[in-house]
């Protein structure tokens, strides 16, 4: 989303996201109607959004997004049950620049 980083977040720290004003406003709108204002891949990304908004954000996949939690079936059920307001895609790299996962050509 366009714009500058929202105050209160830790954008960019350890692969976290920069949370702009527009994203912050969307996540805060009607947040009390959901268990999670959003779900985001990786704990750093989720933490950036949670710190920027003060609203609960589900971290999918743990620290670097590779843990199988929640499972796909669990996540689908949370969505079906209306517990997650938004899915945040993107939010920075999962590993520091220059490092590659073993057996992968992705950074």
N, C-alpha and C. Protein backbone atom coordinates (compact mmCIF):
# COMPACT_ATOMS: atom_id res chain seq x y z
N UNK A 1 0.84 -1.18 0.00
CA UNK A 1 0.00 0.00 0.00
C UNK A 1 0.88 1.24 0.00
N UNK A 2 0.44 2.30 -0.65
CA UNK A 2 1.24 3.50 -0.72
C UNK A 2 1.25 4.23 0.61
N UNK A 3 2.22 5.11 0.76
CA UNK A 3 2.25 5.96 1.95
C UNK A 3 3.40 5.64 2.85
N UNK A 4 3.52 6.39 3.92
CA UNK A 4 4.60 6.23 4.87
C UNK A 4 4.24 5.25 5.96
N UNK A 5 5.23 4.93 6.73
CA UNK A 5 5.08 3.98 7.82
C UNK A 5 4.19 4.56 8.90
N UNK A 6 3.33 3.74 9.43
CA UNK A 6 2.44 4.18 10.51
C UNK A 6 3.22 4.24 11.81
N UNK A 7 2.90 5.20 12.64
CA UNK A 7 3.56 5.31 13.93
C UNK A 7 3.23 4.13 14.81
N UNK A 8 4.18 3.76 15.65
CA UNK A 8 3.96 2.68 16.60
C UNK A 8 4.40 1.33 16.11
N UNK A 9 4.73 1.19 14.83
CA UNK A 9 5.15 -0.10 14.32
C UNK A 9 6.65 -0.25 14.35
N UNK A 10 7.10 -1.47 14.09
CA UNK A 10 8.53 -1.74 14.02
C UNK A 10 8.86 -2.12 12.59
N UNK A 11 8.38 -1.37 11.64
CA UNK A 11 8.53 -1.71 10.24
C UNK A 11 9.95 -1.96 9.83
N UNK A 12 10.15 -3.03 9.08
CA UNK A 12 11.45 -3.35 8.53
C UNK A 12 12.37 -4.10 9.48
N UNK A 13 12.09 -4.14 10.76
CA UNK A 13 12.96 -4.78 11.73
C UNK A 13 12.89 -6.28 11.58
N UNK A 14 14.04 -6.92 11.36
CA UNK A 14 14.13 -8.38 11.26
C UNK A 14 13.15 -8.97 10.25
N UNK A 15 12.97 -8.31 9.12
CA UNK A 15 12.08 -8.83 8.10
C UNK A 15 10.63 -8.47 8.32
N UNK A 16 10.35 -7.60 9.28
CA UNK A 16 8.98 -7.14 9.51
C UNK A 16 8.56 -6.21 8.40
N UNK A 17 7.35 -5.76 8.48
CA UNK A 17 6.77 -4.93 7.43
C UNK A 17 6.73 -3.46 7.83
N UNK A 18 6.78 -2.61 6.83
CA UNK A 18 6.45 -1.21 7.02
C UNK A 18 4.94 -1.12 6.90
N UNK A 19 4.28 -0.61 7.91
CA UNK A 19 2.83 -0.53 7.92
C UNK A 19 2.43 0.91 7.65
N UNK A 20 1.84 1.15 6.48
CA UNK A 20 1.47 2.51 6.13
C UNK A 20 0.12 2.90 6.74
N UNK A 21 -0.19 4.15 6.65
CA UNK A 21 -1.40 4.70 7.27
C UNK A 21 -2.66 4.03 6.74
N UNK A 22 -2.72 3.79 5.45
CA UNK A 22 -3.90 3.16 4.86
C UNK A 22 -4.12 1.75 5.40
N UNK A 23 -3.04 0.97 5.48
CA UNK A 23 -3.15 -0.39 6.01
C UNK A 23 -3.56 -0.35 7.48
N UNK A 24 -2.97 0.55 8.23
CA UNK A 24 -3.29 0.69 9.65
C UNK A 24 -4.78 0.98 9.84
N UNK A 25 -5.31 1.90 9.06
CA UNK A 25 -6.73 2.26 9.16
C UNK A 25 -7.63 1.10 8.79
N UNK A 26 -7.28 0.36 7.74
CA UNK A 26 -8.09 -0.79 7.34
C UNK A 26 -8.12 -1.86 8.44
N UNK A 27 -6.97 -2.14 9.02
CA UNK A 27 -6.90 -3.18 10.05
C UNK A 27 -7.64 -2.77 11.32
N UNK A 28 -7.65 -1.50 11.62
CA UNK A 28 -8.33 -1.04 12.83
C UNK A 28 -9.85 -0.96 12.66
N UNK A 29 -10.32 -0.79 11.42
CA UNK A 29 -11.75 -0.66 11.17
C UNK A 29 -12.47 -1.98 11.47
N UNK A 30 -13.43 -1.93 12.36
CA UNK A 30 -14.24 -3.09 12.75
C UNK A 30 -13.42 -4.24 13.33
N UNK A 31 -12.22 -3.96 13.82
CA UNK A 31 -11.35 -5.02 14.35
C UNK A 31 -11.99 -5.78 15.50
N UNK A 32 -12.82 -5.12 16.28
CA UNK A 32 -13.46 -5.78 17.42
C UNK A 32 -14.46 -6.86 17.01
N UNK A 33 -14.82 -6.89 15.74
CA UNK A 33 -15.76 -7.89 15.24
C UNK A 33 -15.08 -9.22 14.89
N UNK A 34 -13.75 -9.27 15.03
CA UNK A 34 -12.97 -10.44 14.61
C UNK A 34 -12.04 -10.88 15.74
N UNK A 35 -11.67 -12.15 15.72
CA UNK A 35 -10.67 -12.64 16.66
C UNK A 35 -9.32 -12.04 16.30
N UNK A 36 -9.01 -12.01 15.00
CA UNK A 36 -7.76 -11.43 14.50
C UNK A 36 -8.08 -10.36 13.47
N UNK A 37 -7.47 -9.20 13.61
CA UNK A 37 -7.65 -8.13 12.62
C UNK A 37 -7.06 -8.56 11.28
N UNK A 38 -6.04 -9.43 11.34
CA UNK A 38 -5.40 -9.91 10.12
C UNK A 38 -4.62 -11.17 10.43
N UNK A 39 -4.21 -11.83 9.37
CA UNK A 39 -3.26 -12.94 9.44
C UNK A 39 -2.12 -12.56 8.50
N UNK A 40 -0.89 -12.84 8.91
CA UNK A 40 0.27 -12.48 8.11
C UNK A 40 1.29 -13.60 8.18
N UNK A 41 2.04 -13.79 7.10
CA UNK A 41 3.06 -14.82 7.06
C UNK A 41 4.27 -14.36 7.87
N UNK A 42 4.66 -15.16 8.85
CA UNK A 42 5.83 -14.86 9.67
C UNK A 42 5.52 -13.98 10.87
N UNK A 43 6.18 -14.28 11.96
CA UNK A 43 5.95 -13.55 13.21
C UNK A 43 6.39 -12.09 13.12
N UNK A 44 7.49 -11.82 12.40
CA UNK A 44 7.95 -10.43 12.30
C UNK A 44 6.93 -9.57 11.56
N UNK A 45 6.40 -10.10 10.48
CA UNK A 45 5.40 -9.39 9.70
C UNK A 45 4.14 -9.16 10.54
N UNK A 46 3.69 -10.21 11.21
CA UNK A 46 2.50 -10.08 12.07
C UNK A 46 2.76 -9.09 13.19
N UNK A 47 3.93 -9.16 13.80
CA UNK A 47 4.25 -8.26 14.91
C UNK A 47 4.26 -6.80 14.46
N UNK A 48 4.77 -6.53 13.28
CA UNK A 48 4.79 -5.15 12.77
C UNK A 48 3.38 -4.60 12.68
N UNK A 49 2.47 -5.41 12.17
CA UNK A 49 1.08 -4.96 12.02
C UNK A 49 0.38 -4.86 13.37
N UNK A 50 0.66 -5.79 14.26
CA UNK A 50 0.04 -5.75 15.58
C UNK A 50 0.54 -4.55 16.38
N UNK A 51 1.83 -4.27 16.32
CA UNK A 51 2.37 -3.12 17.05
C UNK A 51 1.87 -1.80 16.48
N UNK A 52 1.70 -1.74 15.16
CA UNK A 52 1.23 -0.51 14.53
C UNK A 52 -0.22 -0.21 14.85
N UNK A 53 -1.02 -1.27 15.05
CA UNK A 53 -2.46 -1.07 15.23
C UNK A 53 -2.94 -1.31 16.66
N UNK A 54 -2.21 -2.10 17.41
CA UNK A 54 -2.68 -2.49 18.73
C UNK A 54 -3.76 -3.56 18.67
N UNK A 55 -3.95 -4.14 17.49
CA UNK A 55 -4.97 -5.17 17.27
C UNK A 55 -4.28 -6.53 17.10
N UNK A 56 -4.96 -7.64 17.48
CA UNK A 56 -4.35 -8.96 17.33
C UNK A 56 -4.18 -9.35 15.86
N UNK A 57 -2.98 -9.86 15.55
CA UNK A 57 -2.66 -10.32 14.19
C UNK A 57 -2.07 -11.72 14.31
N UNK A 58 -2.65 -12.65 13.58
CA UNK A 58 -2.19 -14.04 13.60
C UNK A 58 -0.89 -14.17 12.80
N UNK A 59 0.10 -14.78 13.41
CA UNK A 59 1.35 -15.09 12.72
C UNK A 59 1.24 -16.49 12.13
N UNK A 60 1.27 -16.58 10.83
CA UNK A 60 1.20 -17.88 10.15
C UNK A 60 2.63 -18.34 9.88
N UNK A 61 2.95 -19.52 10.37
CA UNK A 61 4.25 -20.10 10.04
C UNK A 61 5.38 -19.77 10.98
N UNK A 62 5.11 -19.16 12.11
CA UNK A 62 6.16 -18.91 13.09
C UNK A 62 7.14 -17.82 12.69
N UNK A 63 8.37 -17.91 13.20
CA UNK A 63 9.36 -16.85 13.09
C UNK A 63 9.67 -16.47 11.63
N UNK A 64 9.95 -17.46 10.78
CA UNK A 64 10.28 -17.13 9.39
C UNK A 64 9.25 -17.68 8.40
N UNK A 65 8.10 -18.05 8.90
CA UNK A 65 7.02 -18.49 8.02
C UNK A 65 7.11 -19.93 7.57
N UNK A 66 7.91 -20.76 8.23
CA UNK A 66 8.09 -22.14 7.78
C UNK A 66 7.47 -23.18 8.70
N UNK A 67 6.96 -22.79 9.86
CA UNK A 67 6.30 -23.75 10.76
C UNK A 67 4.90 -24.05 10.24
N UNK A 68 4.45 -25.29 10.33
CA UNK A 68 3.13 -25.66 9.82
C UNK A 68 1.99 -25.30 10.78
N UNK A 69 1.98 -24.08 11.24
CA UNK A 69 0.96 -23.66 12.19
C UNK A 69 0.44 -22.27 11.85
N UNK A 70 -0.84 -22.09 11.75
CA UNK A 70 -1.85 -23.14 11.79
C UNK A 70 -1.78 -23.97 10.51
N UNK A 71 -2.41 -25.12 10.56
CA UNK A 71 -2.48 -25.93 9.34
C UNK A 71 -3.38 -25.22 8.34
N UNK A 72 -3.30 -25.63 7.10
CA UNK A 72 -4.16 -25.04 6.08
C UNK A 72 -5.63 -25.25 6.44
N UNK A 73 -5.97 -26.44 6.91
CA UNK A 73 -7.36 -26.72 7.29
C UNK A 73 -7.82 -25.81 8.43
N UNK A 74 -6.95 -25.60 9.43
CA UNK A 74 -7.30 -24.71 10.54
C UNK A 74 -7.51 -23.29 10.04
N UNK A 75 -6.58 -22.82 9.19
CA UNK A 75 -6.69 -21.46 8.66
C UNK A 75 -7.99 -21.30 7.86
N UNK A 76 -8.29 -22.27 7.02
CA UNK A 76 -9.52 -22.21 6.22
C UNK A 76 -10.75 -22.17 7.13
N UNK A 77 -10.72 -22.91 8.22
CA UNK A 77 -11.85 -22.90 9.15
C UNK A 77 -11.98 -21.54 9.83
N UNK A 78 -10.86 -20.93 10.24
CA UNK A 78 -10.89 -19.59 10.84
C UNK A 78 -11.52 -18.58 9.87
N UNK A 79 -11.15 -18.68 8.60
CA UNK A 79 -11.72 -17.78 7.59
C UNK A 79 -13.21 -18.05 7.44
N UNK A 80 -13.58 -19.32 7.32
CA UNK A 80 -14.99 -19.70 7.17
C UNK A 80 -15.82 -19.22 8.36
N UNK A 81 -15.23 -19.29 9.55
CA UNK A 81 -15.93 -18.87 10.78
C UNK A 81 -15.93 -17.35 10.96
N UNK A 82 -15.30 -16.62 10.06
CA UNK A 82 -15.28 -15.16 10.15
C UNK A 82 -14.40 -14.62 11.26
N UNK A 83 -13.35 -15.36 11.62
CA UNK A 83 -12.48 -14.93 12.71
C UNK A 83 -11.32 -14.05 12.26
N UNK A 84 -11.02 -14.05 10.96
CA UNK A 84 -9.90 -13.28 10.41
C UNK A 84 -10.46 -12.22 9.47
N UNK A 85 -10.11 -10.95 9.72
CA UNK A 85 -10.63 -9.86 8.90
C UNK A 85 -9.88 -9.73 7.58
N UNK A 86 -8.55 -9.70 7.64
CA UNK A 86 -7.73 -9.51 6.44
C UNK A 86 -6.59 -10.51 6.41
N UNK A 87 -6.07 -10.77 5.20
CA UNK A 87 -4.82 -11.50 5.03
C UNK A 87 -3.81 -10.50 4.48
N UNK A 88 -2.68 -10.38 5.16
CA UNK A 88 -1.64 -9.45 4.74
C UNK A 88 -0.63 -10.23 3.92
N UNK A 89 -0.52 -9.91 2.65
CA UNK A 89 0.49 -10.56 1.81
C UNK A 89 1.69 -9.63 1.71
N UNK A 90 2.86 -10.22 1.61
CA UNK A 90 4.08 -9.41 1.54
C UNK A 90 4.56 -9.03 2.92
N UNK A 91 5.49 -8.08 2.95
CA UNK A 91 5.98 -7.61 4.23
C UNK A 91 7.46 -7.79 4.44
N UNK A 92 8.22 -7.92 3.37
CA UNK A 92 9.66 -8.02 3.53
C UNK A 92 10.16 -9.43 3.36
N UNK A 93 11.49 -9.53 3.27
CA UNK A 93 12.10 -10.83 3.05
C UNK A 93 12.01 -11.69 4.29
N UNK A 94 12.07 -12.99 4.09
CA UNK A 94 11.99 -13.91 5.22
C UNK A 94 13.37 -14.23 5.78
N UNK A 95 14.39 -14.10 4.98
CA UNK A 95 15.75 -14.35 5.43
C UNK A 95 16.61 -13.14 5.09
N UNK A 96 17.67 -12.90 5.86
CA UNK A 96 18.54 -11.77 5.54
C UNK A 96 19.10 -11.90 4.13
N UNK A 97 19.36 -10.78 3.50
CA UNK A 97 19.93 -10.77 2.14
C UNK A 97 21.23 -11.57 2.13
N UNK A 98 21.45 -12.27 1.02
CA UNK A 98 22.67 -13.03 0.88
C UNK A 98 22.59 -14.45 1.41
N UNK A 99 21.55 -14.77 2.18
CA UNK A 99 21.38 -16.13 2.69
C UNK A 99 20.35 -16.85 1.84
N UNK A 100 20.57 -18.12 1.62
CA UNK A 100 19.63 -18.92 0.85
C UNK A 100 19.25 -20.15 1.64
N UNK A 101 18.03 -20.57 1.45
CA UNK A 101 17.60 -21.82 2.07
C UNK A 101 18.32 -22.97 1.38
N UNK A 102 18.70 -23.95 2.16
CA UNK A 102 19.37 -25.11 1.60
C UNK A 102 18.45 -25.80 0.60
N UNK A 103 18.96 -26.08 -0.58
CA UNK A 103 18.20 -26.77 -1.61
C UNK A 103 17.24 -25.85 -2.35
N UNK A 104 17.38 -24.54 -2.19
CA UNK A 104 16.47 -23.61 -2.85
C UNK A 104 17.27 -22.56 -3.59
N UNK A 105 16.70 -22.08 -4.69
CA UNK A 105 17.36 -20.98 -5.40
C UNK A 105 16.77 -19.63 -4.99
N UNK A 106 15.83 -19.67 -4.02
CA UNK A 106 15.23 -18.42 -3.51
C UNK A 106 16.06 -17.86 -2.37
N UNK A 107 16.20 -16.53 -2.31
CA UNK A 107 16.91 -15.92 -1.18
C UNK A 107 16.13 -16.07 0.10
